[in-house]
C-alpha cells in the first residue's frame, strides 16, 4: 500500500503533470516526484513536450545524488522503449531508485512494460495508486489513444450569451489545455508554438467531415481539441458522439426561473453535469459524456 507521504507526492505529481497540457502531444502529460530514502521530497518534474526529457528524468536531475535509495512517484508507468529519448525505466535503475509508485499503467507499452522490467531488477513497484485522480489530467490523452481520435471539448454560450464576446472569453480561458482550438473557421494551436514542430503539425484544412477531420488531427499529433461557438451545433447535431465534454456559458436568470427553465437545452442526451461554477454574468456548466 502507498504511504500517506507517497499519496501526497502522487497528488503533487498529478498537479505537475497538468503543466504539460497543451504541449506534450502526441506524448502524454506526466508528472513525477522523487522522495529520498527518508521519504523527503528532493526532486520533481514534468514532461513538457516530445523530444525533451520525460518527467522522471527531470525529477531525477532535480534530485541529483539524493535520489539513490529513494522512491520515484509517477503518474504514468515509466516507458520501456528507447525512442526520441532514453527509456525512463533505465534512468530510474541507473539512479539507484529502490521503489517506484505508479498511478496508471501505460496501455501503449511495447512488449513488457516498464513496471515489469523494474520489478525484474529488484525494484519494489506499487501500481494503481489513486488512478481516478490522475485521470483528471491524463484521461483525455488515454481516451484519444484508445480511440485513435482526439478528445473533443465543445464550449459555447447559451441564450443571449451566445455571441462573439462570450466565445472569446471561453477560448481565452480554456485554450491552454488543448492541443488545437477551432473558434472560427481556422484551426490553430491552443498554446501557439507550444508543441515540438518535428512531432506535431496543423491538420489539412481541406479535409471534410467531422470524423475525417478528427482522424487527420490525430495523425498530425493532436490528442485534445477545443471547439468554441454555438454555431457549430449544426455540425454536431448528427455527430454528438464525437464530443467528449461540453462547457456551456449560461446567463444569469431571474430568481423565479433558475436553471430548471433551460435544463433541456443545457444537458443533451448522453451527458451528465460534472461541475457548475459561477462567473460574473452567470454560470458555466461542465458536462461529460456518460460512461
C-alpha atoms as a PDB file:
ATOM      1  CA  UNK A   1       0.000   0.000   0.000  1.00  0.00           C
ATOM      2  CA  UNK A   2       1.160   3.521  -0.757  1.00  0.00           C
ATOM      3  CA  UNK A   3       2.018   5.532   2.350  1.00  0.00           C
ATOM      4  CA  UNK A   4       0.496   8.902   3.204  1.00  0.00           C
ATOM      5  CA  UNK A   5       3.764  10.516   2.101  1.00  0.00           C
ATOM      6  CA  UNK A   6       3.588   8.726  -1.242  1.00  0.00           C
ATOM      7  CA  UNK A   7      -0.066   9.687  -1.729  1.00  0.00           C
ATOM      8  CA  UNK A   8       0.823  13.337  -1.100  1.00  0.00           C
ATOM      9  CA  UNK A   9       3.687  13.026  -3.572  1.00  0.00           C
ATOM     10  CA  UNK A  10       1.365  11.486  -6.175  1.00  0.00           C
ATOM     11  CA  UNK A  11      -1.054  14.395  -5.851  1.00  0.00           C
ATOM     12  CA  UNK A  12       1.905  16.727  -6.302  1.00  0.00           C
ATOM     13  CA  UNK A  13       2.903  14.758  -9.414  1.00  0.00           C
ATOM     14  CA  UNK A  14      -0.644  14.972 -10.797  1.00  0.00           C
ATOM     15  CA  UNK A  15      -0.586  18.747 -10.374  1.00  0.00           C
ATOM     16  CA  UNK A  16       2.791  18.957 -12.110  1.00  0.00           C
ATOM     17  CA  UNK A  17       1.542  16.815 -14.981  1.00  0.00           C
ATOM     18  CA  UNK A  18      -1.128  19.415 -15.770  1.00  0.00           C
ATOM     19  CA  UNK A  19       1.616  21.893 -16.706  1.00  0.00           C
ATOM     20  CA  UNK A  20       2.234  19.770 -19.801  1.00  0.00           C
ATOM     21  CA  UNK A  21      -1.335  20.007 -21.075  1.00  0.00           C
ATOM     22  CA  UNK A  22      -1.489  21.636 -24.486  1.00  0.00           C
ATOM     23  CA  UNK A  23       2.182  20.984 -25.344  1.00  0.00           C
ATOM     24  CA  UNK A  24       3.132  17.326 -24.764  1.00  0.00           C
ATOM     25  CA  UNK A  25       1.122  15.700 -27.553  1.00  0.00           C
ATOM     26  CA  UNK A  26       1.483  13.242 -29.095  1.00  0.00           C
ATOM     27  CA  UNK A  27       3.155  12.248 -25.807  1.00  0.00           C
ATOM     28  CA  UNK A  28       1.152  12.073 -22.564  1.00  0.00           C
ATOM     29  CA  UNK A  29       1.248  14.716 -19.811  1.00  0.00           C
ATOM     30  CA  UNK A  30       3.157  13.089 -16.929  1.00  0.00           C
ATOM     31  CA  UNK A  31       4.435  14.266 -13.553  1.00  0.00           C
ATOM     32  CA  UNK A  32       6.999  12.727 -11.202  1.00  0.00           C
ATOM     33  CA  UNK A  33       8.226  13.345  -7.646  1.00  0.00           C
ATOM     34  CA  UNK A  34      11.375  11.817  -6.114  1.00  0.00           C
ATOM     35  CA  UNK A  35      11.472  11.016  -2.399  1.00  0.00           C
ATOM     36  CA  UNK A  36      14.818  10.325  -0.750  1.00  0.00           C
ATOM     37  CA  UNK A  37      15.454   7.247   1.415  1.00  0.00           C
ATOM     38  CA  UNK A  38      13.791   9.052   4.346  1.00  0.00           C
ATOM     39  CA  UNK A  39      10.640   9.943   2.394  1.00  0.00           C
ATOM     40  CA  UNK A  40      11.567  13.609   1.958  1.00  0.00           C
ATOM     41  CA  UNK A  41      10.758  15.163  -1.470  1.00  0.00           C
ATOM     42  CA  UNK A  42      14.056  16.021  -3.167  1.00  0.00           C
ATOM     43  CA  UNK A  43      13.086  16.395  -6.828  1.00  0.00           C
ATOM     44  CA  UNK A  44      10.077  16.939  -9.059  1.00  0.00           C
ATOM     45  CA  UNK A  45       9.455  17.340 -12.754  1.00  0.00           C
ATOM     46  CA  UNK A  46       7.009  17.012 -15.620  1.00  0.00           C
ATOM     47  CA  UNK A  47       7.156  16.317 -19.339  1.00  0.00           C
ATOM     48  CA  UNK A  48       6.821  19.476 -21.424  1.00  0.00           C
ATOM     49  CA  UNK A  49       6.877  18.205 -24.990  1.00  0.00           C
ATOM     50  CA  UNK A  50       8.044  15.324 -27.152  1.00  0.00           C
ATOM     51  CA  UNK A  51      11.763  15.276 -27.793  1.00  0.00           C
ATOM     52  CA  UNK A  52      12.536  16.801 -24.388  1.00  0.00           C
ATOM     53  CA  UNK A  53      13.275  14.903 -21.132  1.00  0.00           C
ATOM     54  CA  UNK A  54      10.401  12.943 -19.636  1.00  0.00           C
ATOM     55  CA  UNK A  55       9.010  13.686 -16.182  1.00  0.00           C
ATOM     56  CA  UNK A  56      11.156  11.046 -14.477  1.00  0.00           C
ATOM     57  CA  UNK A  57      14.385  12.414 -15.944  1.00  0.00           C
ATOM     58  CA  UNK A  58      13.541  15.996 -14.979  1.00  0.00           C
ATOM     59  CA  UNK A  59      12.724  14.856 -11.444  1.00  0.00           C
ATOM     60  CA  UNK A  60      15.926  12.777 -11.182  1.00  0.00           C
ATOM     61  CA  UNK A  61      18.011  15.701 -12.429  1.00  0.00           C
ATOM     62  CA  UNK A  62      16.454  17.907  -9.752  1.00  0.00           C
ATOM     63  CA  UNK A  63      17.111  15.303  -7.045  1.00  0.00           C
ATOM     64  CA  UNK A  64      20.692  14.547  -8.014  1.00  0.00           C
ATOM     65  CA  UNK A  65      22.552  12.130  -5.729  1.00  0.00           C
ATOM     66  CA  UNK A  66      19.723  12.290  -3.154  1.00  0.00           C
ATOM     67  CA  UNK A  67      17.665  10.014  -5.414  1.00  0.00           C
ATOM     68  CA  UNK A  68      19.851   6.966  -4.649  1.00  0.00           C
ATOM     69  CA  UNK A  69      17.975   4.602  -2.355  1.00  0.00           C
ATOM     70  CA  UNK A  70      14.807   6.635  -2.785  1.00  0.00           C
ATOM     71  CA  UNK A  71      11.348   6.368  -4.311  1.00  0.00           C
ATOM     72  CA  UNK A  72      10.008   7.648  -7.632  1.00  0.00           C
ATOM     73  CA  UNK A  73       6.313   8.580  -7.606  1.00  0.00           C
ATOM     74  CA  UNK A  74       4.999   8.921 -11.179  1.00  0.00           C
ATOM     75  CA  UNK A  75       1.546   9.367 -12.705  1.00  0.00           C
ATOM     76  CA  UNK A  76       2.129   7.019 -15.678  1.00  0.00           C
ATOM     77  CA  UNK A  77       4.198   3.840 -15.913  1.00  0.00           C
ATOM     78  CA  UNK A  78       7.800   4.673 -16.891  1.00  0.00           C
ATOM     79  CA  UNK A  79       8.422   3.956 -20.548  1.00  0.00           C
ATOM     80  CA  UNK A  80      10.313   0.818 -21.533  1.00  0.00           C
ATOM     81  CA  UNK A  81      11.415   1.713 -25.042  1.00  0.00           C
ATOM     82  CA  UNK A  82      14.150   3.878 -26.481  1.00  0.00           C
ATOM     83  CA  UNK A  83      12.612   6.454 -28.807  1.00  0.00           C
ATOM     84  CA  UNK A  84      13.431  10.135 -29.135  1.00  0.00           C
ATOM     85  CA  UNK A  85      14.653   9.993 -25.524  1.00  0.00           C
ATOM     86  CA  UNK A  86      16.139   7.156 -23.401  1.00  0.00           C
ATOM     87  CA  UNK A  87      13.885   4.637 -21.637  1.00  0.00           C
ATOM     88  CA  UNK A  88      12.768   6.088 -18.297  1.00  0.00           C
ATOM     89  CA  UNK A  89      12.827   2.719 -16.532  1.00  0.00           C
ATOM     90  CA  UNK A  90      16.595   2.535 -17.220  1.00  0.00           C
ATOM     91  CA  UNK A  91      17.133   6.070 -15.945  1.00  0.00           C
ATOM     92  CA  UNK A  92      15.435   5.084 -12.671  1.00  0.00           C
ATOM     93  CA  UNK A  93      17.549   1.935 -12.406  1.00  0.00           C
ATOM     94  CA  UNK A  94      20.755   3.872 -13.081  1.00  0.00           C
ATOM     95  CA  UNK A  95      19.827   6.475 -10.442  1.00  0.00           C
ATOM     96  CA  UNK A  96      19.591   3.805  -7.750  1.00  0.00           C
ATOM     97  CA  UNK A  97      15.846   4.139  -7.138  1.00  0.00           C
ATOM     98  CA  UNK A  98      14.622   1.245  -4.942  1.00  0.00           C
ATOM     99  CA  UNK A  99      10.850   1.807  -5.115  1.00  0.00           C
ATOM    100  CA  UNK A 100       8.544   3.127  -7.837  1.00  0.00           C
ATOM    101  CA  UNK A 101       4.946   4.158  -7.129  1.00  0.00           C
ATOM    102  CA  UNK A 102       2.796   4.314 -10.290  1.00  0.00           C
ATOM    103  CA  UNK A 103      -0.733   5.587 -10.703  1.00  0.00           C
ATOM    104  CA  UNK A 104      -1.670   4.243 -14.156  1.00  0.00           C
ATOM    105  CA  UNK A 105      -0.096   1.509 -16.301  1.00  0.00           C
ATOM    106  CA  UNK A 106       0.707   2.708 -19.819  1.00  0.00           C
ATOM    107  CA  UNK A 107      -1.548   0.905 -22.339  1.00  0.00           C
ATOM    108  CA  UNK A 108       0.858   1.832 -25.152  1.00  0.00           C
ATOM    109  CA  UNK A 109       3.857  -0.047 -23.678  1.00  0.00           C
ATOM    110  CA  UNK A 110       5.814  -2.012 -26.252  1.00  0.00           C
ATOM    111  CA  UNK A 111       6.413  -5.578 -25.088  1.00  0.00           C
ATOM    112  CA  UNK A 112       6.992  -5.870 -21.346  1.00  0.00           C
ATOM    113  CA  UNK A 113       6.103  -2.600 -19.653  1.00  0.00           C
ATOM    114  CA  UNK A 114       8.487  -0.517 -17.612  1.00  0.00           C
ATOM    115  CA  UNK A 115       6.959  -1.798 -14.368  1.00  0.00           C
ATOM    116  CA  UNK A 116       7.813  -5.398 -15.255  1.00  0.00           C
ATOM    117  CA  UNK A 117      11.419  -4.524 -16.070  1.00  0.00           C
ATOM    118  CA  UNK A 118      11.805  -2.524 -12.859  1.00  0.00           C
ATOM    119  CA  UNK A 119      10.479  -5.472 -10.864  1.00  0.00           C
ATOM    120  CA  UNK A 120      12.890  -7.814 -12.657  1.00  0.00           C
ATOM    121  CA  UNK A 121      15.738  -5.577 -11.464  1.00  0.00           C
ATOM    122  CA  UNK A 122      14.681  -5.989  -7.836  1.00  0.00           C
ATOM    123  CA  UNK A 123      12.894  -2.652  -7.543  1.00  0.00           C
ATOM    124  CA  UNK A 124       9.725  -2.585  -5.425  1.00  0.00           C
ATOM    125  CA  UNK A 125       6.832  -1.444  -7.646  1.00  0.00           C
ATOM    126  CA  UNK A 126       3.423  -0.255  -6.470  1.00  0.00           C
ATOM    127  CA  UNK A 127       0.703   0.345  -9.102  1.00  0.00           C
ATOM    128  CA  UNK A 128      -2.875   1.618  -9.332  1.00  0.00           C
ATOM    129  CA  UNK A 129      -2.358   4.438  -6.828  1.00  0.00           C
ATOM    130  CA  UNK A 130      -5.293   6.945  -6.885  1.00  0.00           C
ATOM    131  CA  UNK A 131      -5.859   6.465 -10.652  1.00  0.00           C
ATOM    132  CA  UNK A 132      -9.195   8.332 -10.618  1.00  0.00           C
ATOM    133  CA  UNK A 133      -7.387  11.482  -9.526  1.00  0.00           C
ATOM    134  CA  UNK A 134      -4.682  11.034 -12.151  1.00  0.00           C
ATOM    135  CA  UNK A 135      -7.341  10.695 -14.853  1.00  0.00           C
ATOM    136  CA  UNK A 136      -8.380  14.318 -14.283  1.00  0.00           C
ATOM    137  CA  UNK A 137      -5.250  15.194 -16.273  1.00  0.00           C
ATOM    138  CA  UNK A 138      -4.330  12.026 -18.151  1.00  0.00           C
ATOM    139  CA  UNK A 139      -7.854  10.854 -19.038  1.00  0.00           C
ATOM    140  CA  UNK A 140      -8.258  12.753 -22.340  1.00  0.00           C
ATOM    141  CA  UNK A 141      -4.893  11.506 -23.640  1.00  0.00           C
ATOM    142  CA  UNK A 142      -5.738   7.929 -22.730  1.00  0.00           C
ATOM    143  CA  UNK A 143      -9.170   8.188 -24.376  1.00  0.00           C
ATOM    144  CA  UNK A 144      -7.693   9.701 -27.526  1.00  0.00           C
ATOM    145  CA  UNK A 145      -5.028   6.991 -27.736  1.00  0.00           C
ATOM    146  CA  UNK A 146      -7.595   4.231 -27.286  1.00  0.00           C
ATOM    147  CA  UNK A 147      -9.980   5.583 -29.940  1.00  0.00           C
ATOM    148  CA  UNK A 148      -7.397   6.977 -32.359  1.00  0.00           C
ATOM    149  CA  UNK A 149      -9.114  10.352 -32.404  1.00  0.00           C
ATOM    150  CA  UNK A 150      -8.645  13.466 -30.255  1.00  0.00           C
ATOM    151  CA  UNK A 151     -10.665  14.128 -27.109  1.00  0.00           C
ATOM    152  CA  UNK A 152     -13.056  16.940 -28.109  1.00  0.00           C
ATOM    153  CA  UNK A 153     -14.472  19.674 -25.866  1.00  0.00           C
ATOM    154  CA  UNK A 154     -17.239  21.910 -27.234  1.00  0.00           C
ATOM    155  CA  UNK A 155     -17.767  25.253 -25.482  1.00  0.00           C
ATOM    156  CA  UNK A 156     -20.484  27.771 -26.253  1.00  0.00           C
ATOM    157  CA  UNK A 157     -22.778  30.407 -24.777  1.00  0.00           C
ATOM    158  CA  UNK A 158     -26.480  29.697 -24.292  1.00  0.00           C
ATOM    159  CA  UNK A 159     -29.177  32.285 -24.904  1.00  0.00           C
ATOM    160  CA  UNK A 160     -28.188  35.930 -25.231  1.00  0.00           C
ATOM    161  CA  UNK A 161     -24.630  34.999 -24.197  1.00  0.00           C
ATOM    162  CA  UNK A 162     -24.101  33.003 -27.379  1.00  0.00           C
ATOM    163  CA  UNK A 163     -22.138  35.806 -29.013  1.00  0.00           C
ATOM    164  CA  UNK A 164     -18.627  36.705 -30.097  1.00  0.00           C
ATOM    165  CA  UNK A 165     -17.619  38.208 -26.751  1.00  0.00           C
ATOM    166  CA  UNK A 166     -18.582  35.034 -24.868  1.00  0.00           C
ATOM    167  CA  UNK A 167     -16.782  32.859 -27.418  1.00  0.00           C
ATOM    168  CA  UNK A 168     -13.631  34.936 -26.994  1.00  0.00           C
ATOM    169  CA  UNK A 169     -13.766  34.549 -23.215  1.00  0.00           C
ATOM    170  CA  UNK A 170     -14.311  30.791 -23.428  1.00  0.00           C
ATOM    171  CA  UNK A 171     -11.425  30.460 -25.871  1.00  0.00           C
ATOM    172  CA  UNK A 172      -9.094  32.505 -23.668  1.00  0.00           C
ATOM    173  CA  UNK A 173      -9.989  30.536 -20.537  1.00  0.00           C
ATOM    174  CA  UNK A 174      -9.903  27.018 -21.999  1.00  0.00           C
ATOM    175  CA  UNK A 175      -7.395  27.006 -24.837  1.00  0.00           C
ATOM    176  CA  UNK A 176      -4.183  26.301 -22.904  1.00  0.00           C
ATOM    177  CA  UNK A 177      -5.315  22.779 -22.002  1.00  0.00           C
ATOM    178  CA  UNK A 178      -5.999  21.830 -25.636  1.00  0.00           C
ATOM    179  CA  UNK A 179      -3.651  20.948 -28.473  1.00  0.00           C
ATOM    180  CA  UNK A 180      -5.856  22.589 -31.089  1.00  0.00           C
ATOM    181  CA  UNK A 181      -8.523  25.302 -30.992  1.00  0.00           C
ATOM    182  CA  UNK A 182     -11.277  25.944 -33.522  1.00  0.00           C
ATOM    183  CA  UNK A 183     -13.163  29.110 -32.612  1.00  0.00           C
ATOM    184  CA  UNK A 184     -13.974  30.292 -36.104  1.00  0.00           C
ATOM    185  CA  UNK A 185     -13.153  28.654 -39.378  1.00  0.00           C
ATOM    186  CA  UNK A 186      -9.384  28.367 -38.873  1.00  0.00           C
ATOM    187  CA  UNK A 187      -7.764  25.847 -36.566  1.00  0.00           C
ATOM    188  CA  UNK A 188      -4.679  26.746 -34.529  1.00  0.00           C
ATOM    189  CA  UNK A 189      -2.551  25.541 -31.636  1.00  0.00           C
ATOM    190  CA  UNK A 190      -4.057  26.005 -28.196  1.00  0.00           C
ATOM    191  CA  UNK A 191      -0.643  27.169 -26.981  1.00  0.00           C
ATOM    192  CA  UNK A 192       0.878  28.936 -30.016  1.00  0.00           C
ATOM    193  CA  UNK A 193       4.251  27.357 -30.784  1.00  0.00           C
ATOM    194  CA  UNK A 194       3.918  25.072 -27.756  1.00  0.00           C
ATOM    195  CA  UNK A 195       4.454  21.724 -29.481  1.00  0.00           C
ATOM    196  CA  UNK A 196       7.632  20.286 -30.950  1.00  0.00           C
ATOM    197  CA  UNK A 197       7.243  21.087 -34.667  1.00  0.00           C
ATOM    198  CA  UNK A 198       9.004  17.894 -35.765  1.00  0.00           C
ATOM    199  CA  UNK A 199       6.333  15.818 -33.997  1.00  0.00           C
ATOM    200  CA  UNK A 200       3.214  17.968 -34.347  1.00  0.00           C
ATOM    201  CA  UNK A 201       1.619  19.772 -37.293  1.00  0.00           C
ATOM    202  CA  UNK A 202      -1.668  21.515 -38.030  1.00  0.00           C
ATOM    203  CA  UNK A 203      -4.096  19.312 -39.963  1.00  0.00           C
ATOM    204  CA  UNK A 204      -5.031  19.911 -43.579  1.00  0.00           C
ATOM    205  CA  UNK A 205      -8.000  22.326 -43.622  1.00  0.00           C
ATOM    206  CA  UNK A 206      -9.287  20.762 -46.841  1.00  0.00           C
ATOM    207  CA  UNK A 207     -10.440  17.633 -45.005  1.00  0.00           C
ATOM    208  CA  UNK A 208     -14.240  17.455 -44.986  1.00  0.00           C
ATOM    209  CA  UNK A 209     -16.493  15.864 -42.382  1.00  0.00           C
ATOM    210  CA  UNK A 210     -16.032  15.873 -38.607  1.00  0.00           C
ATOM    211  CA  UNK A 211     -14.810  12.309 -38.323  1.00  0.00           C
ATOM    212  CA  UNK A 212     -12.341  12.714 -41.158  1.00  0.00           C
ATOM    213  CA  UNK A 213     -11.010  15.938 -39.651  1.00  0.00           C
ATOM    214  CA  UNK A 214     -10.607  14.334 -36.242  1.00  0.00           C
ATOM    215  CA  UNK A 215      -8.654  11.472 -37.792  1.00  0.00           C
ATOM    216  CA  UNK A 216      -6.438  13.970 -39.609  1.00  0.00           C
ATOM    217  CA  UNK A 217      -5.834  15.886 -36.365  1.00  0.00           C
ATOM    218  CA  UNK A 218      -4.855  12.686 -34.559  1.00  0.00           C
ATOM    219  CA  UNK A 219      -2.464  11.683 -37.332  1.00  0.00           C
ATOM    220  CA  UNK A 220      -0.864  15.142 -37.125  1.00  0.00           C
ATOM    221  CA  UNK A 221      -0.156  14.680 -33.397  1.00  0.00           C
ATOM    222  CA  UNK A 222      -3.175  16.181 -31.655  1.00  0.00           C
ATOM    223  CA  UNK A 223      -4.811  14.423 -28.719  1.00  0.00           C
ATOM    224  CA  UNK A 224      -7.163  17.193 -27.499  1.00  0.00           C
ATOM    225  CA  UNK A 225      -9.282  19.735 -29.366  1.00  0.00           C
ATOM    226  CA  UNK A 226     -11.355  22.699 -28.180  1.00  0.00           C
ATOM    227  CA  UNK A 227     -14.216  23.809 -30.443  1.00  0.00           C
ATOM    228  CA  UNK A 228     -15.856  27.107 -29.468  1.00  0.00           C
ATOM    229  CA  UNK A 229     -19.175  28.580 -30.522  1.00  0.00           C
ATOM    230  CA  UNK A 230     -22.868  27.717 -30.703  1.00  0.00           C
ATOM    231  CA  UNK A 231     -22.661  27.992 -34.491  1.00  0.00           C
ATOM    232  CA  UNK A 232     -21.097  24.501 -34.530  1.00  0.00           C
ATOM    233  CA  UNK A 233     -24.371  22.973 -33.318  1.00  0.00           C
ATOM    234  CA  UNK A 234     -25.418  22.132 -36.856  1.00  0.00           C
ATOM    235  CA  UNK A 235     -22.251  20.132 -37.473  1.00  0.00           C
ATOM    236  CA  UNK A 236     -22.545  18.337 -34.129  1.00  0.00           C
ATOM    237  CA  UNK A 237     -26.272  17.586 -34.388  1.00  0.00           C
ATOM    238  CA  UNK A 238     -25.666  14.227 -36.050  1.00  0.00           C
ATOM    239  CA  UNK A 239     -22.165  13.747 -34.659  1.00  0.00           C
ATOM    240  CA  UNK A 240     -22.593  14.414 -30.951  1.00  0.00           C
ATOM    241  CA  UNK A 241     -20.907  11.084 -30.220  1.00  0.00           C
ATOM    242  CA  UNK A 242     -17.670  12.774 -31.334  1.00  0.00           C
ATOM    243  CA  UNK A 243     -17.961  15.236 -28.433  1.00  0.00           C
ATOM    244  CA  UNK A 244     -16.495  14.156 -25.088  1.00  0.00           C
ATOM    245  CA  UNK A 245     -17.093  17.248 -22.929  1.00  0.00           C
ATOM    246  CA  UNK A 246     -19.306  20.321 -23.198  1.00  0.00           C
ATOM    247  CA  UNK A 247     -18.862  23.653 -21.442  1.00  0.00           C
ATOM    248  CA  UNK A 248     -21.928  25.901 -21.559  1.00  0.00           C
ATOM    249  CA  UNK A 249     -21.877  29.553 -20.503  1.00  0.00           C
ATOM    250  CA  UNK A 250     -25.362  30.272 -19.147  1.00  0.00           C
ATOM    251  CA  UNK A 251     -26.555  33.820 -18.473  1.00  0.00           C
ATOM    252  CA  UNK A 252     -27.999  34.630 -15.069  1.00  0.00           C
ATOM    253  CA  UNK A 253     -31.792  34.232 -14.912  1.00  0.00           C
ATOM    254  CA  UNK A 254     -34.374  35.733 -12.531  1.00  0.00           C
ATOM    255  CA  UNK A 255     -34.601  34.022  -9.151  1.00  0.00           C
ATOM    256  CA  UNK A 256     -38.060  32.683 -10.052  1.00  0.00           C
ATOM    257  CA  UNK A 257     -36.710  30.951 -13.165  1.00  0.00           C
ATOM    258  CA  UNK A 258     -33.304  29.471 -12.461  1.00  0.00           C
ATOM    259  CA  UNK A 259     -31.511  26.801 -14.422  1.00  0.00           C
ATOM    260  CA  UNK A 260     -34.538  24.488 -14.440  1.00  0.00           C
ATOM    261  CA  UNK A 261     -36.030  26.586 -17.243  1.00  0.00           C
ATOM    262  CA  UNK A 262     -33.218  25.710 -19.628  1.00  0.00           C
ATOM    263  CA  UNK A 263     -32.122  22.292 -18.387  1.00  0.00           C
ATOM    264  CA  UNK A 264     -33.257  20.571 -21.580  1.00  0.00           C
ATOM    265  CA  UNK A 265     -31.053  22.870 -23.669  1.00  0.00           C
ATOM    266  CA  UNK A 266     -28.064  22.659 -21.331  1.00  0.00           C
ATOM    267  CA  UNK A 267     -27.812  18.883 -20.996  1.00  0.00           C
ATOM    268  CA  UNK A 268     -28.172  16.847 -24.208  1.00  0.00           C
ATOM    269  CA  UNK A 269     -28.905  13.135 -24.094  1.00  0.00           C
ATOM    270  CA  UNK A 270     -25.870  11.070 -23.208  1.00  0.00           C
ATOM    271  CA  UNK A 271     -24.258  13.711 -20.984  1.00  0.00           C
ATOM    272  CA  UNK A 272     -24.284  14.478 -17.268  1.00  0.00           C
ATOM    273  CA  UNK A 273     -23.405  17.536 -15.215  1.00  0.00           C
ATOM    274  CA  UNK A 274     -19.860  17.218 -13.878  1.00  0.00           C
ATOM    275  CA  UNK A 275     -19.465  20.698 -12.408  1.00  0.00           C
ATOM    276  CA  UNK A 276     -21.155  24.106 -12.261  1.00  0.00           C
ATOM    277  CA  UNK A 277     -19.132  27.217 -11.486  1.00  0.00           C
ATOM    278  CA  UNK A 278     -20.380  30.810 -11.270  1.00  0.00           C
ATOM    279  CA  UNK A 279     -18.877  33.638 -13.263  1.00  0.00           C
ATOM    280  CA  UNK A 280     -19.583  37.363 -13.468  1.00  0.00           C
ATOM    281  CA  UNK A 281     -22.602  37.107 -15.754  1.00  0.00           C
ATOM    282  CA  UNK A 282     -23.989  33.711 -14.832  1.00  0.00           C
ATOM    283  CA  UNK A 283     -22.569  30.201 -14.649  1.00  0.00           C
ATOM    284  CA  UNK A 284     -20.549  27.684 -16.578  1.00  0.00           C
ATOM    285  CA  UNK A 285     -21.968  24.197 -16.758  1.00  0.00           C
ATOM    286  CA  UNK A 286     -19.379  21.492 -17.407  1.00  0.00           C
ATOM    287  CA  UNK A 287     -20.864  18.325 -18.935  1.00  0.00           C
ATOM    288  CA  UNK A 288     -19.195  14.999 -19.553  1.00  0.00           C
ATOM    289  CA  UNK A 289     -20.245  12.020 -21.614  1.00  0.00           C
ATOM    290  CA  UNK A 290     -21.886   9.211 -19.681  1.00  0.00           C
ATOM    291  CA  UNK A 291     -19.689   6.134 -19.492  1.00  0.00           C
END
